[in-house]
Amino acid sequence: MNQEQNAIPRHIAIIMDGNGRWATERGQERTYGHKAGVDTVRRITAECVRMGVKYLTLYTFSTENWNRPDDEVSALMGLVLSSLEDEIFMKYNVRFRMIGDSSRLPVEVKQKLWQTEQRTAHNSAMTMVVALSYSSRWEITQAVRDIAEEAQKGLIRSVADIDEDYVARHMATSFMPDPDLLIRTGGECRISNYLLWQIAYSELYFCDTYWPDFAEEHLHKAIESYQQRQRRFGKTEAQVEQQQQ
């Protein structure tokens, strides 16, 4: 793996899949897998900081996950609370941010999220973004509503003013660049309503490893795959090569 700074993805997004299946295969409750997945978050966060990744976005809980059994949802919210107590943020100089529909979260979770964002606001090594009660369709719908409200208030002079940059500024992720690399663990090859606007030109990497077993070497393998690809953004191979000369 090329560890030169310009070869490392600036922003890595991860769909952390396979916790429940990992636990079931071991004869345990699904929540056992979610707890093991938190340990993986710690390891991968530390390694991303070490390599110089600037943004790590983790798909933690989707809007669709609210349909899971009540006991699993309750356990997941409890894990969120305990994870936010983790000293990994201060130990590795990591800033914490959350994206998602916070209106559906328990009050104590919302308060802890806000406190963690405030406590880590000046950390600068990397920003960890947790997508919690999040889905792309929710995010895009919210952006459309916000833009429509601005139009009603007369803040938009012309429909022509609404371009891609204008829409992007209304996304929950407007404070960070789009992902360079999207990783999904657990053997599924779908995006599952995650960062659909933002990953238009991201490199995608799917692996069979369940998230609790996802280790530093698996992250390195994903980055190696990323480094072997040519990102053309609609241009021809010749154009990209000419730019690099």
C-alpha atoms as a PDB file:
ATOM      1  CA  MET A   1       0.000   0.000   0.000  1.00  0.00           C
ATOM      2  CA  ASN A   2       1.294   3.445  -0.961  1.00  0.00           C
ATOM      3  CA  GLN A   3       1.212   5.501   2.249  1.00  0.00           C
ATOM      4  CA  GLU A   4       2.192   8.808   0.667  1.00  0.00           C
ATOM      5  CA  GLN A   5      -0.288  11.452   1.764  1.00  0.00           C
ATOM      6  CA  ASN A   6      -1.724  12.113  -1.697  1.00  0.00           C
ATOM      7  CA  ALA A   7      -2.337   8.368  -2.188  1.00  0.00           C
ATOM      8  CA  ILE A   8      -4.463   7.949   0.945  1.00  0.00           C
ATOM      9  CA  PRO A   9      -8.199   8.680   0.541  1.00  0.00           C
ATOM     10  CA  ARG A  10      -9.064  11.969   2.192  1.00  0.00           C
ATOM     11  CA  HIS A  11     -12.557  10.732   3.061  1.00  0.00           C
ATOM     12  CA  ILE A  12     -13.545   7.113   3.683  1.00  0.00           C
ATOM     13  CA  ALA A  13     -17.189   6.144   4.213  1.00  0.00           C
ATOM     14  CA  ILE A  14     -18.062   2.717   5.614  1.00  0.00           C
ATOM     15  CA  ILE A  15     -21.253   0.650   5.724  1.00  0.00           C
ATOM     16  CA  MET A  16     -20.540  -1.461   8.805  1.00  0.00           C
ATOM     17  CA  ASP A  17     -22.508  -4.581   7.922  1.00  0.00           C
ATOM     18  CA  GLY A  18     -22.555  -8.078   9.391  1.00  0.00           C
ATOM     19  CA  ASN A  19     -22.687  -7.517  13.153  1.00  0.00           C
ATOM     20  CA  GLY A  20     -25.914  -9.489  13.641  1.00  0.00           C
ATOM     21  CA  ARG A  21     -24.905 -12.387  11.400  1.00  0.00           C
ATOM     22  CA  TRP A  22     -21.488 -12.539  13.067  1.00  0.00           C
ATOM     23  CA  ALA A  23     -23.183 -12.950  16.448  1.00  0.00           C
ATOM     24  CA  THR A  24     -25.801 -15.442  15.216  1.00  0.00           C
ATOM     25  CA  GLU A  25     -23.121 -17.698  13.749  1.00  0.00           C
ATOM     26  CA  ARG A  26     -21.564 -17.782  17.214  1.00  0.00           C
ATOM     27  CA  GLY A  27     -24.835 -18.654  18.932  1.00  0.00           C
ATOM     28  CA  GLN A  28     -25.149 -15.194  20.466  1.00  0.00           C
ATOM     29  CA  GLU A  29     -27.778 -12.467  20.436  1.00  0.00           C
ATOM     30  CA  ARG A  30     -27.450  -9.854  17.690  1.00  0.00           C
ATOM     31  CA  THR A  31     -26.538  -7.210  20.251  1.00  0.00           C
ATOM     32  CA  TYR A  32     -23.364  -9.191  21.006  1.00  0.00           C
ATOM     33  CA  GLY A  33     -22.265  -8.480  17.443  1.00  0.00           C
ATOM     34  CA  HIS A  34     -23.043  -4.778  17.744  1.00  0.00           C
ATOM     35  CA  LYS A  35     -20.858  -4.570  20.864  1.00  0.00           C
ATOM     36  CA  ALA A  36     -18.030  -6.312  19.018  1.00  0.00           C
ATOM     37  CA  GLY A  37     -18.519  -3.854  16.168  1.00  0.00           C
ATOM     38  CA  VAL A  38     -17.775  -0.950  18.522  1.00  0.00           C
ATOM     39  CA  ASP A  39     -14.333  -2.447  19.172  1.00  0.00           C
ATOM     40  CA  THR A  40     -13.749  -2.507  15.421  1.00  0.00           C
ATOM     41  CA  VAL A  41     -14.699   1.169  15.208  1.00  0.00           C
ATOM     42  CA  ARG A  42     -11.965   1.953  17.740  1.00  0.00           C
ATOM     43  CA  ARG A  43      -9.317   0.028  15.806  1.00  0.00           C
ATOM     44  CA  ILE A  44     -10.250   1.415  12.409  1.00  0.00           C
ATOM     45  CA  THR A  45     -10.496   4.968  13.732  1.00  0.00           C
ATOM     46  CA  ALA A  46      -7.005   4.747  15.201  1.00  0.00           C
ATOM     47  CA  GLU A  47      -5.592   3.340  11.962  1.00  0.00           C
ATOM     48  CA  CYS A  48      -7.283   5.988   9.819  1.00  0.00           C
ATOM     49  CA  VAL A  49      -5.777   8.708  11.990  1.00  0.00           C
ATOM     50  CA  ARG A  50      -2.358   7.081  11.733  1.00  0.00           C
ATOM     51  CA  MET A  51      -2.576   6.965   7.920  1.00  0.00           C
ATOM     52  CA  GLY A  52      -3.742  10.558   7.583  1.00  0.00           C
ATOM     53  CA  VAL A  53      -7.383  10.049   6.591  1.00  0.00           C
ATOM     54  CA  LYS A  54      -9.188  13.333   7.284  1.00  0.00           C
ATOM     55  CA  TYR A  55     -12.834  12.191   7.327  1.00  0.00           C
ATOM     56  CA  LEU A  56     -14.317   8.843   8.372  1.00  0.00           C
ATOM     57  CA  THR A  57     -18.092   8.506   7.953  1.00  0.00           C
ATOM     58  CA  LEU A  58     -19.751   5.485   9.549  1.00  0.00           C
ATOM     59  CA  TYR A  59     -23.270   4.253   8.734  1.00  0.00           C
ATOM     60  CA  THR A  60     -24.357   3.486  12.278  1.00  0.00           C
ATOM     61  CA  PHE A  61     -28.165   3.380  12.223  1.00  0.00           C
ATOM     62  CA  SER A  62     -30.447   3.990   9.243  1.00  0.00           C
ATOM     63  CA  THR A  63     -33.973   5.376   9.264  1.00  0.00           C
ATOM     64  CA  GLU A  64     -35.068   1.900   8.162  1.00  0.00           C
ATOM     65  CA  ASN A  65     -33.417   0.393  11.264  1.00  0.00           C
ATOM     66  CA  TRP A  66     -36.194   1.884  13.394  1.00  0.00           C
ATOM     67  CA  ASN A  67     -38.278  -1.046  12.086  1.00  0.00           C
ATOM     68  CA  ARG A  68     -36.082  -3.574  13.890  1.00  0.00           C
ATOM     69  CA  PRO A  69     -37.286  -5.282  17.114  1.00  0.00           C
ATOM     70  CA  ASP A  70     -37.648  -2.858  20.015  1.00  0.00           C
ATOM     71  CA  ASP A  71     -35.074  -4.637  22.175  1.00  0.00           C
ATOM     72  CA  GLU A  72     -32.426  -4.411  19.441  1.00  0.00           C
ATOM     73  CA  VAL A  73     -33.154  -0.722  18.810  1.00  0.00           C
ATOM     74  CA  SER A  74     -32.947  -0.038  22.556  1.00  0.00           C
ATOM     75  CA  ALA A  75     -29.632  -1.899  22.797  1.00  0.00           C
ATOM     76  CA  LEU A  76     -28.234   0.032  19.834  1.00  0.00           C
ATOM     77  CA  MET A  77     -29.201   3.368  21.401  1.00  0.00           C
ATOM     78  CA  GLY A  78     -27.496   2.238  24.601  1.00  0.00           C
ATOM     79  CA  LEU A  79     -24.363   1.408  22.642  1.00  0.00           C
ATOM     80  CA  VAL A  80     -24.417   4.848  21.053  1.00  0.00           C
ATOM     81  CA  LEU A  81     -24.513   6.424  24.503  1.00  0.00           C
ATOM     82  CA  SER A  82     -21.671   4.311  25.880  1.00  0.00           C
ATOM     83  CA  SER A  83     -19.561   4.796  22.741  1.00  0.00           C
ATOM     84  CA  LEU A  84     -19.780   8.558  23.056  1.00  0.00           C
ATOM     85  CA  GLU A  85     -18.074   8.228  26.440  1.00  0.00           C
ATOM     86  CA  ASP A  86     -15.072   6.668  24.703  1.00  0.00           C
ATOM     87  CA  GLU A  87     -11.824   8.579  25.140  1.00  0.00           C
ATOM     88  CA  ILE A  88     -10.746   7.660  21.618  1.00  0.00           C
ATOM     89  CA  PHE A  89     -11.812  11.115  20.461  1.00  0.00           C
ATOM     90  CA  MET A  90      -9.408  12.921  22.762  1.00  0.00           C
ATOM     91  CA  LYS A  91      -6.692  10.271  22.616  1.00  0.00           C
ATOM     92  CA  TYR A  92      -6.432  10.507  18.820  1.00  0.00           C
ATOM     93  CA  ASN A  93      -7.459  14.164  18.424  1.00  0.00           C
ATOM     94  CA  VAL A  94     -10.669  13.229  16.570  1.00  0.00           C
ATOM     95  CA  ARG A  95     -13.545  15.621  16.049  1.00  0.00           C
ATOM     96  CA  PHE A  96     -17.037  14.106  16.260  1.00  0.00           C
ATOM     97  CA  ARG A  97     -20.000  15.045  14.068  1.00  0.00           C
ATOM     98  CA  MET A  98     -23.411  13.454  13.545  1.00  0.00           C
ATOM     99  CA  ILE A  99     -25.696  13.498  10.515  1.00  0.00           C
ATOM    100  CA  GLY A 100     -29.270  12.217  10.492  1.00  0.00           C
ATOM    101  CA  ASP A 101     -32.797  12.838  11.715  1.00  0.00           C
ATOM    102  CA  SER A 102     -32.136  13.669  15.365  1.00  0.00           C
ATOM    103  CA  SER A 103     -35.843  14.292  16.012  1.00  0.00           C
ATOM    104  CA  ARG A 104     -36.414  10.550  16.318  1.00  0.00           C
ATOM    105  CA  LEU A 105     -33.616   9.955  18.818  1.00  0.00           C
ATOM    106  CA  PRO A 106     -34.160   9.587  22.580  1.00  0.00           C
ATOM    107  CA  VAL A 107     -33.552  12.833  24.479  1.00  0.00           C
ATOM    108  CA  GLU A 108     -30.548  11.471  26.361  1.00  0.00           C
ATOM    109  CA  VAL A 109     -28.918  10.377  23.097  1.00  0.00           C
ATOM    110  CA  LYS A 110     -29.474  13.798  21.511  1.00  0.00           C
ATOM    111  CA  GLN A 111     -27.968  15.509  24.531  1.00  0.00           C
ATOM    112  CA  LYS A 112     -24.918  13.235  24.515  1.00  0.00           C
ATOM    113  CA  LEU A 113     -24.394  13.746  20.788  1.00  0.00           C
ATOM    114  CA  TRP A 114     -24.443  17.516  21.255  1.00  0.00           C
ATOM    115  CA  GLN A 115     -22.072  17.326  24.214  1.00  0.00           C
ATOM    116  CA  THR A 116     -19.613  15.153  22.287  1.00  0.00           C
ATOM    117  CA  GLU A 117     -19.662  17.500  19.301  1.00  0.00           C
ATOM    118  CA  GLN A 118     -18.928  20.426  21.619  1.00  0.00           C
ATOM    119  CA  ARG A 119     -16.232  18.568  23.572  1.00  0.00           C
ATOM    120  CA  THR A 120     -14.339  17.562  20.447  1.00  0.00           C
ATOM    121  CA  ALA A 121     -14.955  20.692  18.348  1.00  0.00           C
ATOM    122  CA  HIS A 122     -11.304  21.772  18.388  1.00  0.00           C
ATOM    123  CA  ASN A 123      -9.802  18.359  17.623  1.00  0.00           C
ATOM    124  CA  SER A 124      -8.076  18.423  14.259  1.00  0.00           C
ATOM    125  CA  ALA A 125      -6.425  15.119  13.300  1.00  0.00           C
ATOM    126  CA  MET A 126      -9.571  13.642  11.750  1.00  0.00           C
ATOM    127  CA  THR A 127     -13.340  14.123  11.758  1.00  0.00           C
ATOM    128  CA  MET A 128     -15.458  11.060  12.536  1.00  0.00           C
ATOM    129  CA  VAL A 129     -18.985  11.458  11.193  1.00  0.00           C
ATOM    130  CA  VAL A 130     -21.664   9.117  12.521  1.00  0.00           C
ATOM    131  CA  ALA A 131     -24.711   8.651  10.272  1.00  0.00           C
ATOM    132  CA  LEU A 132     -27.404   8.005  12.876  1.00  0.00           C
ATOM    133  CA  SER A 133     -31.125   7.764  12.056  1.00  0.00           C
ATOM    134  CA  TYR A 134     -29.922   8.617   8.571  1.00  0.00           C
ATOM    135  CA  SER A 135     -30.907   7.792   5.010  1.00  0.00           C
ATOM    136  CA  SER A 136     -30.124   9.534   1.747  1.00  0.00           C
ATOM    137  CA  ARG A 137     -33.757   9.854   0.788  1.00  0.00           C
ATOM    138  CA  TRP A 138     -34.461  11.571   4.097  1.00  0.00           C
ATOM    139  CA  GLU A 139     -31.487  13.892   3.552  1.00  0.00           C
ATOM    140  CA  ILE A 140     -32.392  14.788  -0.032  1.00  0.00           C
ATOM    141  CA  THR A 141     -36.050  15.324   0.914  1.00  0.00           C
ATOM    142  CA  GLN A 142     -34.960  17.633   3.739  1.00  0.00           C
ATOM    143  CA  ALA A 143     -32.719  19.577   1.353  1.00  0.00           C
ATOM    144  CA  VAL A 144     -35.600  20.025  -1.107  1.00  0.00           C
ATOM    145  CA  ARG A 145     -37.842  21.290   1.712  1.00  0.00           C
ATOM    146  CA  ASP A 146     -35.189  23.762   2.860  1.00  0.00           C
ATOM    147  CA  ILE A 147     -34.715  25.080  -0.689  1.00  0.00           C
ATOM    148  CA  ALA A 148     -38.480  25.385  -1.190  1.00  0.00           C
ATOM    149  CA  GLU A 149     -38.727  27.332   2.055  1.00  0.00           C
ATOM    150  CA  GLU A 150     -36.005  29.709   0.880  1.00  0.00           C
ATOM    151  CA  ALA A 151     -37.912  30.188  -2.376  1.00  0.00           C
ATOM    152  CA  GLN A 152     -41.099  31.012  -0.437  1.00  0.00           C
ATOM    153  CA  LYS A 153     -39.173  33.635   1.506  1.00  0.00           C
ATOM    154  CA  GLY A 154     -37.895  35.196  -1.726  1.00  0.00           C
ATOM    155  CA  LEU A 155     -34.285  34.245  -1.019  1.00  0.00           C
ATOM    156  CA  ILE A 156     -33.870  32.646  -4.467  1.00  0.00           C
ATOM    157  CA  ARG A 157     -33.829  35.143  -7.315  1.00  0.00           C
ATOM    158  CA  SER A 158     -34.177  32.601 -10.122  1.00  0.00           C
ATOM    159  CA  VAL A 159     -34.678  28.870 -10.594  1.00  0.00           C
ATOM    160  CA  ALA A 160     -31.388  28.971 -12.513  1.00  0.00           C
ATOM    161  CA  ASP A 161     -29.638  29.754  -9.214  1.00  0.00           C
ATOM    162  CA  ILE A 162     -30.391  26.217  -8.017  1.00  0.00           C
ATOM    163  CA  ASP A 163     -27.409  24.294  -9.365  1.00  0.00           C
ATOM    164  CA  GLU A 164     -25.480  21.296  -7.999  1.00  0.00           C
ATOM    165  CA  ASP A 165     -23.400  23.435  -5.648  1.00  0.00           C
ATOM    166  CA  TYR A 166     -26.532  25.089  -4.285  1.00  0.00           C
ATOM    167  CA  VAL A 167     -28.129  21.709  -3.557  1.00  0.00           C
ATOM    168  CA  ALA A 168     -24.907  20.369  -2.021  1.00  0.00           C
ATOM    169  CA  ARG A 169     -24.827  23.275   0.426  1.00  0.00           C
ATOM    170  CA  HIS A 170     -28.201  22.099   1.754  1.00  0.00           C
ATOM    171  CA  MET A 171     -27.032  18.541   2.377  1.00  0.00           C
ATOM    172  CA  ALA A 172     -26.264  17.356   5.907  1.00  0.00           C
ATOM    173  CA  THR A 173     -22.703  16.695   4.733  1.00  0.00           C
ATOM    174  CA  SER A 174     -22.031  20.232   3.471  1.00  0.00           C
ATOM    175  CA  PHE A 175     -19.169  20.648   5.973  1.00  0.00           C
ATOM    176  CA  MET A 176     -16.987  17.967   4.380  1.00  0.00           C
ATOM    177  CA  PRO A 177     -15.842  16.697   0.957  1.00  0.00           C
ATOM    178  CA  ASP A 178     -17.541  13.779  -0.777  1.00  0.00           C
ATOM    179  CA  PRO A 179     -16.142  10.321   0.005  1.00  0.00           C
ATOM    180  CA  ASP A 180     -13.210   9.146  -2.083  1.00  0.00           C
ATOM    181  CA  LEU A 181     -13.762   5.537  -1.052  1.00  0.00           C
ATOM    182  CA  LEU A 182     -16.893   3.733   0.143  1.00  0.00           C
ATOM    183  CA  ILE A 183     -16.363   0.379   1.876  1.00  0.00           C
ATOM    184  CA  ARG A 184     -19.134  -2.096   2.651  1.00  0.00           C
ATOM    185  CA  THR A 185     -18.411  -5.141   4.801  1.00  0.00           C
ATOM    186  CA  GLY A 186     -20.548  -8.253   5.309  1.00  0.00           C
ATOM    187  CA  GLY A 187     -20.788  -9.593   1.756  1.00  0.00           C
ATOM    188  CA  GLU A 188     -23.696  -7.488   0.478  1.00  0.00           C
ATOM    189  CA  CYS A 189     -23.207  -5.471  -2.722  1.00  0.00           C
ATOM    190  CA  ARG A 190     -25.653  -2.594  -2.356  1.00  0.00           C
ATOM    191  CA  ILE A 191     -25.581   0.971  -1.073  1.00  0.00           C
ATOM    192  CA  SER A 192     -28.629   0.764   1.231  1.00  0.00           C
ATOM    193  CA  ASN A 193     -29.746   4.390   1.020  1.00  0.00           C
ATOM    194  CA  TYR A 194     -26.347   5.747   2.128  1.00  0.00           C
ATOM    195  CA  LEU A 195     -24.818   8.999   0.855  1.00  0.00           C
ATOM    196  CA  LEU A 196     -26.417   8.586  -2.579  1.00  0.00           C
ATOM    197  CA  TRP A 197     -25.778  12.203  -3.587  1.00  0.00           C
ATOM    198  CA  GLN A 198     -22.233  12.237  -2.239  1.00  0.00           C
ATOM    199  CA  ILE A 199     -20.902   8.978  -3.739  1.00  0.00           C
ATOM    200  CA  ALA A 200     -21.622   9.889  -7.374  1.00  0.00           C
ATOM    201  CA  TYR A 201     -17.896   9.535  -8.132  1.00  0.00           C
ATOM    202  CA  SER A 202     -16.662   7.585  -5.117  1.00  0.00           C
ATOM    203  CA  GLU A 203     -14.747   4.347  -5.563  1.00  0.00           C
ATOM    204  CA  LEU A 204     -16.737   1.400  -4.174  1.00  0.00           C
ATOM    205  CA  TYR A 205     -15.241  -1.567  -2.356  1.00  0.00           C
ATOM    206  CA  PHE A 206     -17.217  -4.594  -1.144  1.00  0.00           C
ATOM    207  CA  CYS A 207     -15.814  -7.390   1.012  1.00  0.00           C
ATOM    208  CA  ASP A 208     -17.240 -10.525   2.625  1.00  0.00           C
ATOM    209  CA  THR A 209     -15.683  -9.886   6.043  1.00  0.00           C
ATOM    210  CA  TYR A 210     -18.208  -9.151   8.780  1.00  0.00           C
ATOM    211  CA  TRP A 211     -17.629  -5.807  10.482  1.00  0.00           C
ATOM    212  CA  PRO A 212     -16.519  -7.278  13.868  1.00  0.00           C
ATOM    213  CA  ASP A 213     -13.733  -9.131  12.012  1.00  0.00           C
ATOM    214  CA  PHE A 214     -12.725  -6.147   9.861  1.00  0.00           C
ATOM    215  CA  ALA A 215      -9.146  -5.407  10.854  1.00  0.00           C
ATOM    216  CA  GLU A 216      -6.397  -3.031   9.836  1.00  0.00           C
ATOM    217  CA  GLU A 217      -5.223  -5.367   7.096  1.00  0.00           C
ATOM    218  CA  HIS A 218      -8.708  -5.381   5.552  1.00  0.00           C
ATOM    219  CA  LEU A 219      -8.673  -1.584   5.538  1.00  0.00           C
ATOM    220  CA  HIS A 220      -5.253  -1.619   3.885  1.00  0.00           C
ATOM    221  CA  LYS A 221      -6.534  -4.009   1.211  1.00  0.00           C
ATOM    222  CA  ALA A 222      -9.458  -1.690   0.455  1.00  0.00           C
ATOM    223  CA  ILE A 223      -7.106   1.278   0.148  1.00  0.00           C
ATOM    224  CA  GLU A 224      -4.750  -0.709  -2.075  1.00  0.00           C
ATOM    225  CA  SER A 225      -7.693  -1.429  -4.386  1.00  0.00           C
ATOM    226  CA  TYR A 226      -8.525   2.283  -4.386  1.00  0.00           C
ATOM    227  CA  GLN A 227      -4.939   3.210  -5.232  1.00  0.00           C
ATOM    228  CA  GLN A 228      -4.925   0.906  -8.252  1.00  0.00           C
ATOM    229  CA  ARG A 229      -7.877   2.688  -9.861  1.00  0.00           C
ATOM    230  CA  GLN A 230      -7.840   5.727 -12.100  1.00  0.00           C
ATOM    231  CA  ARG A 231     -10.408   8.317 -11.072  1.00  0.00           C
ATOM    232  CA  ARG A 232     -11.502   9.986 -14.317  1.00  0.00           C
ATOM    233  CA  PHE A 233     -14.607  11.958 -13.283  1.00  0.00           C
ATOM    234  CA  GLY A 234     -16.049  11.658 -16.796  1.00  0.00           C
ATOM    235  CA  LYS A 235     -12.784  12.372 -18.620  1.00  0.00           C
ATOM    236  CA  THR A 236     -10.889   9.958 -20.838  1.00  0.00           C
ATOM    237  CA  GLU A 237      -7.883   7.992 -19.613  1.00  0.00           C
ATOM    238  CA  ALA A 238      -5.637  10.045 -21.907  1.00  0.00           C
ATOM    239  CA  GLN A 239      -6.919  13.328 -20.474  1.00  0.00           C
ATOM    240  CA  VAL A 240      -6.265  12.201 -16.912  1.00  0.00           C
ATOM    241  CA  GLU A 241      -2.760  11.015 -17.763  1.00  0.00           C
ATOM    242  CA  GLN A 242      -2.003  14.310 -19.474  1.00  0.00           C
ATOM    243  CA  GLN A 243      -3.125  16.216 -16.371  1.00  0.00           C
ATOM    244  CA  GLN A 244      -0.834  14.121 -14.191  1.00  0.00           C
ATOM    245  CA  GLN A 245       2.258  14.861 -16.291  1.00  0.00           C
END
